[in-house]
């Protein structure tokens, strides 16, 4: 439950709460879109893609 609904919220609590809710929503949508986009990709191919991305990140 949101603390401000109890009457004990401080200034800015609602803004932080909304920001967190929006971030969570965007993250969940991104995950669902990634799952849908990769639904037809084999596990082996996904593993190779992830390994390549990790290697690139380590080198840069």
N, C-alpha and C. Protein backbone atom coordinates (compact mmCIF):
# COMPACT_ATOMS: atom_id res chain seq x y z
N UNK A 1 0.85 -1.18 0.00
CA UNK A 1 0.00 0.00 0.00
C UNK A 1 0.89 1.24 0.00
N UNK A 2 0.47 2.25 -0.68
CA UNK A 2 1.22 3.49 -0.78
C UNK A 2 1.17 4.24 0.54
N UNK A 3 2.34 4.68 1.08
CA UNK A 3 2.39 5.33 2.39
C UNK A 3 1.55 6.60 2.51
N UNK A 4 1.44 7.37 1.42
CA UNK A 4 0.68 8.63 1.51
C UNK A 4 -0.79 8.38 1.78
N UNK A 5 -1.29 7.20 1.40
CA UNK A 5 -2.70 6.90 1.66
C UNK A 5 -2.97 6.75 3.14
N UNK A 6 -1.93 6.55 3.92
CA UNK A 6 -2.06 6.44 5.37
C UNK A 6 -1.95 7.81 6.04
N UNK A 7 -1.66 8.82 5.27
CA UNK A 7 -1.53 10.17 5.81
C UNK A 7 -0.13 10.47 6.31
N UNK A 8 0.80 9.53 6.14
CA UNK A 8 2.15 9.73 6.65
C UNK A 8 3.16 10.01 5.56
N UNK A 9 2.69 10.28 4.36
CA UNK A 9 3.61 10.50 3.26
C UNK A 9 4.28 11.86 3.33
N UNK A 10 5.48 11.91 2.77
CA UNK A 10 6.22 13.17 2.70
C UNK A 10 6.10 13.75 1.31
N UNK A 11 6.49 15.00 1.19
CA UNK A 11 6.49 15.66 -0.11
C UNK A 11 7.40 14.88 -1.06
N UNK A 12 6.90 14.59 -2.22
CA UNK A 12 7.69 13.86 -3.21
C UNK A 12 7.45 12.36 -3.20
N UNK A 13 6.80 11.82 -2.16
CA UNK A 13 6.54 10.39 -2.10
C UNK A 13 5.70 9.92 -3.27
N UNK A 14 4.67 10.68 -3.60
CA UNK A 14 3.79 10.30 -4.71
C UNK A 14 4.55 10.30 -6.02
N UNK A 15 5.40 11.29 -6.23
CA UNK A 15 6.19 11.35 -7.46
C UNK A 15 7.11 10.15 -7.56
N UNK A 16 7.77 9.79 -6.47
CA UNK A 16 8.65 8.63 -6.48
C UNK A 16 7.86 7.34 -6.71
N UNK A 17 6.69 7.25 -6.10
CA UNK A 17 5.84 6.08 -6.27
C UNK A 17 5.42 5.94 -7.73
N UNK A 18 5.01 7.04 -8.34
CA UNK A 18 4.59 7.00 -9.74
C UNK A 18 5.77 6.67 -10.64
N UNK A 19 6.92 7.26 -10.37
CA UNK A 19 8.12 6.96 -11.17
C UNK A 19 8.46 5.48 -11.10
N UNK A 20 8.41 4.91 -9.91
CA UNK A 20 8.70 3.48 -9.75
C UNK A 20 7.67 2.63 -10.49
N UNK A 21 6.40 3.01 -10.42
CA UNK A 21 5.35 2.26 -11.10
C UNK A 21 5.55 2.32 -12.62
N UNK A 22 5.91 3.48 -13.13
CA UNK A 22 6.13 3.63 -14.57
C UNK A 22 7.34 2.81 -15.00
N UNK A 23 8.41 2.85 -14.22
CA UNK A 23 9.60 2.06 -14.55
C UNK A 23 9.27 0.57 -14.57
N UNK A 24 8.51 0.11 -13.58
CA UNK A 24 8.11 -1.30 -13.52
C UNK A 24 7.27 -1.68 -14.73
N UNK A 25 6.34 -0.81 -15.09
CA UNK A 25 5.48 -1.06 -16.24
C UNK A 25 6.31 -1.16 -17.52
N UNK A 26 7.21 -0.21 -17.71
CA UNK A 26 8.04 -0.21 -18.91
C UNK A 26 8.91 -1.46 -18.95
N UNK A 27 9.49 -1.85 -17.82
CA UNK A 27 10.32 -3.04 -17.76
C UNK A 27 9.51 -4.28 -18.13
N UNK A 28 8.32 -4.42 -17.55
CA UNK A 28 7.47 -5.58 -17.84
C UNK A 28 7.09 -5.63 -19.31
N UNK A 29 6.76 -4.48 -19.89
CA UNK A 29 6.42 -4.44 -21.32
C UNK A 29 7.62 -4.83 -22.18
N UNK A 30 8.80 -4.34 -21.81
CA UNK A 30 10.01 -4.66 -22.56
C UNK A 30 10.30 -6.16 -22.52
N UNK A 31 10.13 -6.76 -21.34
CA UNK A 31 10.35 -8.20 -21.20
C UNK A 31 9.37 -8.97 -22.08
N UNK A 32 8.10 -8.60 -22.03
CA UNK A 32 7.09 -9.28 -22.85
C UNK A 32 7.38 -9.14 -24.34
N UNK A 33 7.81 -7.95 -24.76
CA UNK A 33 8.14 -7.73 -26.17
C UNK A 33 9.35 -8.56 -26.58
N UNK A 34 10.35 -8.65 -25.71
CA UNK A 34 11.53 -9.46 -26.01
C UNK A 34 11.17 -10.93 -26.11
N UNK A 35 10.32 -11.40 -25.20
CA UNK A 35 9.88 -12.79 -25.26
C UNK A 35 9.14 -13.08 -26.56
N UNK A 36 8.24 -12.18 -26.93
CA UNK A 36 7.48 -12.37 -28.17
C UNK A 36 8.39 -12.34 -29.40
N UNK A 37 9.34 -11.43 -29.40
CA UNK A 37 10.24 -11.30 -30.55
C UNK A 37 11.15 -12.51 -30.70
N UNK A 38 11.43 -13.20 -29.59
CA UNK A 38 12.35 -14.33 -29.62
C UNK A 38 11.66 -15.67 -29.46
N UNK A 39 10.35 -15.70 -29.59
CA UNK A 39 9.59 -16.93 -29.37
C UNK A 39 10.00 -18.04 -30.33
N UNK A 40 10.43 -17.68 -31.53
CA UNK A 40 10.78 -18.69 -32.53
C UNK A 40 12.28 -18.95 -32.62
N UNK A 41 13.05 -18.42 -31.69
CA UNK A 41 14.50 -18.60 -31.69
C UNK A 41 14.83 -19.76 -30.75
N UNK A 42 15.68 -20.65 -31.21
CA UNK A 42 16.02 -21.82 -30.39
C UNK A 42 16.84 -21.41 -29.17
N UNK A 43 16.83 -22.28 -28.18
CA UNK A 43 17.60 -22.00 -26.96
C UNK A 43 19.09 -21.90 -27.27
N UNK A 44 19.57 -22.76 -28.16
CA UNK A 44 20.99 -22.73 -28.53
C UNK A 44 21.35 -21.40 -29.20
N UNK A 45 20.48 -20.93 -30.09
CA UNK A 45 20.75 -19.65 -30.75
C UNK A 45 20.71 -18.49 -29.76
N UNK A 46 19.74 -18.51 -28.84
CA UNK A 46 19.68 -17.46 -27.82
C UNK A 46 20.92 -17.46 -26.94
N UNK A 47 21.37 -18.65 -26.56
CA UNK A 47 22.58 -18.76 -25.75
C UNK A 47 23.78 -18.18 -26.49
N UNK A 48 23.89 -18.47 -27.77
CA UNK A 48 24.99 -17.94 -28.58
C UNK A 48 24.91 -16.42 -28.67
N UNK A 49 23.71 -15.90 -28.85
CA UNK A 49 23.53 -14.44 -28.93
C UNK A 49 23.93 -13.78 -27.62
N UNK A 50 23.50 -14.35 -26.50
CA UNK A 50 23.83 -13.79 -25.19
C UNK A 50 25.33 -13.86 -24.96
N UNK A 51 25.94 -14.99 -25.27
CA UNK A 51 27.39 -15.13 -25.08
C UNK A 51 28.16 -14.11 -25.91
N UNK A 52 27.72 -13.89 -27.13
CA UNK A 52 28.38 -12.90 -27.99
C UNK A 52 28.23 -11.50 -27.41
N UNK A 53 27.05 -11.18 -26.90
CA UNK A 53 26.82 -9.86 -26.30
C UNK A 53 27.66 -9.66 -25.05
N UNK A 54 27.77 -10.69 -24.22
CA UNK A 54 28.58 -10.61 -23.01
C UNK A 54 30.05 -10.41 -23.38
N UNK A 55 30.51 -11.15 -24.36
CA UNK A 55 31.90 -11.01 -24.80
C UNK A 55 32.16 -9.59 -25.30
N UNK A 56 31.23 -9.06 -26.11
CA UNK A 56 31.38 -7.69 -26.60
C UNK A 56 31.45 -6.70 -25.44
N UNK A 57 30.57 -6.87 -24.46
CA UNK A 57 30.53 -5.95 -23.31
C UNK A 57 31.83 -6.00 -22.52
N UNK A 58 32.39 -7.17 -22.38
CA UNK A 58 33.65 -7.29 -21.63
C UNK A 58 34.81 -6.63 -22.37
N UNK A 59 34.76 -6.65 -23.68
CA UNK A 59 35.83 -6.07 -24.48
C UNK A 59 35.71 -4.55 -24.61
N UNK A 60 34.54 -4.02 -24.33
CA UNK A 60 34.34 -2.58 -24.48
C UNK A 60 34.10 -2.01 -23.14
